[in-house]
Protein backbone atom coordinates (compact mmCIF):
# COMPACT_ATOMS: atom_id res chain seq x y z
CA UNK A 1 0.00 0.00 0.00
CA UNK A 2 1.39 3.41 -0.94
CA UNK A 3 1.09 6.61 1.06
CA UNK A 4 -1.72 7.69 -1.27
CA UNK A 5 -3.91 4.63 -0.74
CA UNK A 6 -6.29 4.18 2.12
CA UNK A 7 -6.88 0.70 3.52
CA UNK A 8 -10.31 0.76 1.88
CA UNK A 9 -8.76 1.26 -1.57
CA UNK A 10 -6.65 -1.84 -1.07
CA UNK A 11 -9.60 -4.01 -0.03
CA UNK A 12 -10.40 -7.26 -1.78
CA UNK A 13 -13.10 -6.36 -4.33
CA UNK A 14 -14.92 -9.64 -3.61
CA UNK A 15 -15.12 -8.80 0.08
CA UNK A 16 -18.52 -7.54 1.22
CA UNK A 17 -18.67 -3.76 1.47
CA UNK A 18 -19.54 -2.86 5.04
CA UNK A 19 -22.58 -0.84 5.99
CA UNK A 20 -21.24 2.01 8.10
CA UNK A 21 -24.32 4.20 8.44
CA UNK A 22 -28.03 3.59 8.81
CA UNK A 23 -30.66 6.25 9.23
CA UNK A 24 -34.23 5.31 10.10
CA UNK A 25 -37.28 7.43 9.19
CA UNK A 26 -35.39 10.46 7.87
CA UNK A 27 -37.65 13.51 7.69
CA UNK A 28 -37.71 15.76 4.65
CA UNK A 29 -40.00 17.57 2.26
CA UNK A 30 -38.01 16.80 -0.88
CA UNK A 31 -34.93 15.00 -2.21
CA UNK A 32 -32.63 17.95 -1.54
CA UNK A 33 -33.63 18.16 2.13
CA UNK A 34 -33.40 14.40 2.66
CA UNK A 35 -30.00 14.16 0.96
CA UNK A 36 -28.76 17.13 3.00
CA UNK A 37 -29.73 15.42 6.25
CA UNK A 38 -28.06 12.16 5.22
CA UNK A 39 -24.93 13.91 3.91
CA UNK A 40 -24.49 15.87 7.15
CA UNK A 41 -24.74 12.61 9.11
CA UNK A 42 -22.12 10.94 6.89
CA UNK A 43 -19.86 13.98 7.28
CA UNK A 44 -20.23 13.91 11.08
CA UNK A 45 -19.31 10.20 11.03
CA UNK A 46 -16.10 11.00 9.11
CA UNK A 47 -17.10 8.87 6.12
CA UNK A 48 -17.04 11.67 3.54
CA UNK A 49 -15.21 14.88 2.72
CA UNK A 50 -16.51 18.40 3.42
CA UNK A 51 -17.29 18.64 -0.30
CA UNK A 52 -19.64 15.64 -0.20
CA UNK A 53 -23.00 17.31 0.61
CA UNK A 54 -22.79 19.72 -2.34
CA UNK A 55 -21.32 17.07 -4.66
CA UNK A 56 -24.07 14.59 -3.75
CA UNK A 57 -26.85 17.05 -4.60
CA UNK A 58 -25.14 18.31 -7.77
CA UNK A 59 -24.72 14.77 -9.08
CA UNK A 60 -28.31 13.84 -8.20
CA UNK A 61 -29.54 16.81 -10.23
CA UNK A 62 -27.40 15.87 -13.27
CA UNK A 63 -27.81 12.09 -13.02
CA UNK A 64 -31.00 11.14 -11.13
CA UNK A 65 -30.85 7.90 -9.17
CA UNK A 66 -34.49 6.97 -8.57
CA UNK A 67 -35.15 3.38 -9.62
CA UNK A 68 -38.66 2.61 -10.90
CA UNK A 69 -38.67 -0.83 -9.31
CA UNK A 70 -41.88 -2.36 -7.93
CA UNK A 71 -41.12 -0.59 -4.65
CA UNK A 72 -39.17 2.48 -5.84
CA UNK A 73 -35.76 3.11 -4.32
CA UNK A 74 -32.85 5.45 -5.02
CA UNK A 75 -29.06 5.08 -5.02
CA UNK A 76 -27.67 8.60 -4.61
CA UNK A 77 -23.88 8.89 -4.72
CA UNK A 78 -20.99 11.21 -5.50
CA UNK A 79 -17.70 10.90 -7.28
CA UNK A 80 -14.92 9.09 -5.39
CA UNK A 81 -12.89 12.20 -4.48
CA UNK A 82 -15.66 13.24 -2.06
CA UNK A 83 -15.57 9.94 -0.11
CA UNK A 84 -13.17 8.96 2.69
CA UNK A 85 -14.37 5.43 3.57
CA UNK A 86 -15.53 2.69 1.18
CA UNK A 87 -18.89 1.55 2.51
CA UNK A 88 -22.64 1.62 2.11
CA UNK A 89 -25.14 3.84 3.88
CA UNK A 90 -28.81 2.90 4.13
CA UNK A 91 -31.67 5.26 4.92
CA UNK A 92 -35.40 4.88 5.18
CA UNK A 93 -37.59 7.94 4.84
CA UNK A 94 -40.47 8.86 7.14
CA UNK A 95 -42.65 9.36 4.07
CA UNK A 96 -42.15 9.01 0.31
CA UNK A 97 -40.07 11.67 -1.43
CA UNK A 98 -39.81 12.21 -5.19
CA UNK A 99 -36.44 11.47 -6.82
CA UNK A 100 -35.70 11.92 -10.49
CA UNK A 101 -35.93 8.64 -12.38
CA UNK A 102 -32.62 7.11 -13.45
CA UNK A 103 -32.46 7.08 -17.23
CA UNK A 104 -35.85 8.78 -17.51
CA UNK A 105 -36.91 12.10 -18.95
CA UNK A 106 -36.32 15.26 -16.92
CA UNK A 107 -39.91 15.27 -15.63
CA UNK A 108 -39.95 11.56 -14.66
CA UNK A 109 -39.88 10.92 -10.92
CA UNK A 110 -40.36 8.04 -8.51
CA UNK A 111 -41.59 8.28 -4.93
CA UNK A 112 -39.15 6.42 -2.75
CA UNK A 113 -38.74 5.61 0.92
CA UNK A 114 -35.48 3.62 0.74
CA UNK A 115 -32.08 5.02 -0.19
CA UNK A 116 -28.87 3.03 -0.47
CA UNK A 117 -25.80 5.22 -0.85
CA UNK A 118 -22.67 3.54 -2.18
CA UNK A 119 -19.72 5.50 -0.81
CA UNK A 120 -17.16 4.70 -3.47
CA UNK A 121 -13.40 5.25 -3.15
CA UNK A 122 -12.47 2.92 -6.04
CA UNK A 123 -15.27 2.41 -8.59
CA UNK A 124 -13.83 -0.85 -9.98
CA UNK A 125 -13.54 -2.43 -6.53
CA UNK A 126 -17.19 -1.63 -5.82
CA UNK A 127 -18.63 -3.52 -8.82
CA UNK A 128 -19.47 -6.76 -6.94
CA UNK A 129 -21.11 -4.81 -4.11
CA UNK A 130 -23.07 -2.68 -6.56
CA UNK A 131 -24.28 -5.78 -8.38
CA UNK A 132 -25.50 -7.27 -5.06
CA UNK A 133 -27.11 -3.97 -4.16
CA UNK A 134 -28.97 -3.70 -7.50
CA UNK A 135 -30.18 -7.28 -7.13
CA UNK A 136 -31.50 -6.58 -3.65
CA UNK A 137 -33.27 -3.41 -4.77
CA UNK A 138 -35.30 -5.43 -7.28
CA UNK A 139 -36.27 -7.94 -4.58
CA UNK A 140 -39.66 -6.70 -3.38
CA UNK A 141 -39.56 -8.77 -0.18
CA UNK A 142 -36.09 -7.52 0.78
CA UNK A 143 -37.03 -3.88 0.17
CA UNK A 144 -40.29 -4.31 2.10
CA UNK A 145 -38.34 -5.84 5.00
CA UNK A 146 -35.97 -2.86 5.13
CA UNK A 147 -38.87 -0.42 4.99
CA UNK A 148 -40.58 -2.31 7.81
CA UNK A 149 -37.62 -1.97 10.18
CA UNK A 150 -38.74 -0.56 13.52
CA UNK A 151 -35.49 1.27 14.31
CA UNK A 152 -31.87 1.74 13.25
CA UNK A 153 -30.70 -1.48 14.93
CA UNK A 154 -33.23 -3.57 13.01
CA UNK A 155 -32.51 -1.65 9.80
CA UNK A 156 -28.80 -2.42 10.18
CA UNK A 157 -29.47 -6.11 10.84
CA UNK A 158 -31.74 -6.41 7.80
CA UNK A 159 -29.41 -4.37 5.58
CA UNK A 160 -26.46 -6.56 6.56
CA UNK A 161 -28.51 -9.65 5.71
CA UNK A 162 -29.80 -8.40 2.35
CA UNK A 163 -26.96 -6.21 1.10
CA UNK A 164 -23.80 -7.98 2.22
CA UNK A 165 -24.93 -11.57 2.50
CA UNK A 166 -23.25 -11.66 5.90
CA UNK A 167 -25.88 -11.07 8.58
CA UNK A 168 -24.68 -9.71 11.88
CA UNK A 169 -25.52 -11.54 15.11
């Protein structure tokens, strides 16, 4: 490992990406407010750079991340230079919030209550985790389970089970 690599950049790409942040029932009127709340939490936890909150919102505006799955979800993220720690963050929303639809027209939106944020330090190393994540987000039962979590502890347990394949005790 060189002086310019963090331990997370040197991680085995087949290793499960840890979930380092869960937020249950995030309040917000719109996507910008919800993402701001989540970004401030990630910043306070030391997982992202100071530039992350603005970069997250700017990228969401340019490249919407709402997935029109049976139970709509979103995967907001930023470019790697705004992230300190390779991990996933999971958030449920207190009520549905409109996100722009990924790959849709500018006016297309989806109302989502589940966000999974891949915090990427090395995009190539995240491919297996992103593939698992996309598979889980199309699994209606898994998404419903996450949305049904009573609190952050249960959300973490369910997210570990469904997103990493390695449930915690």
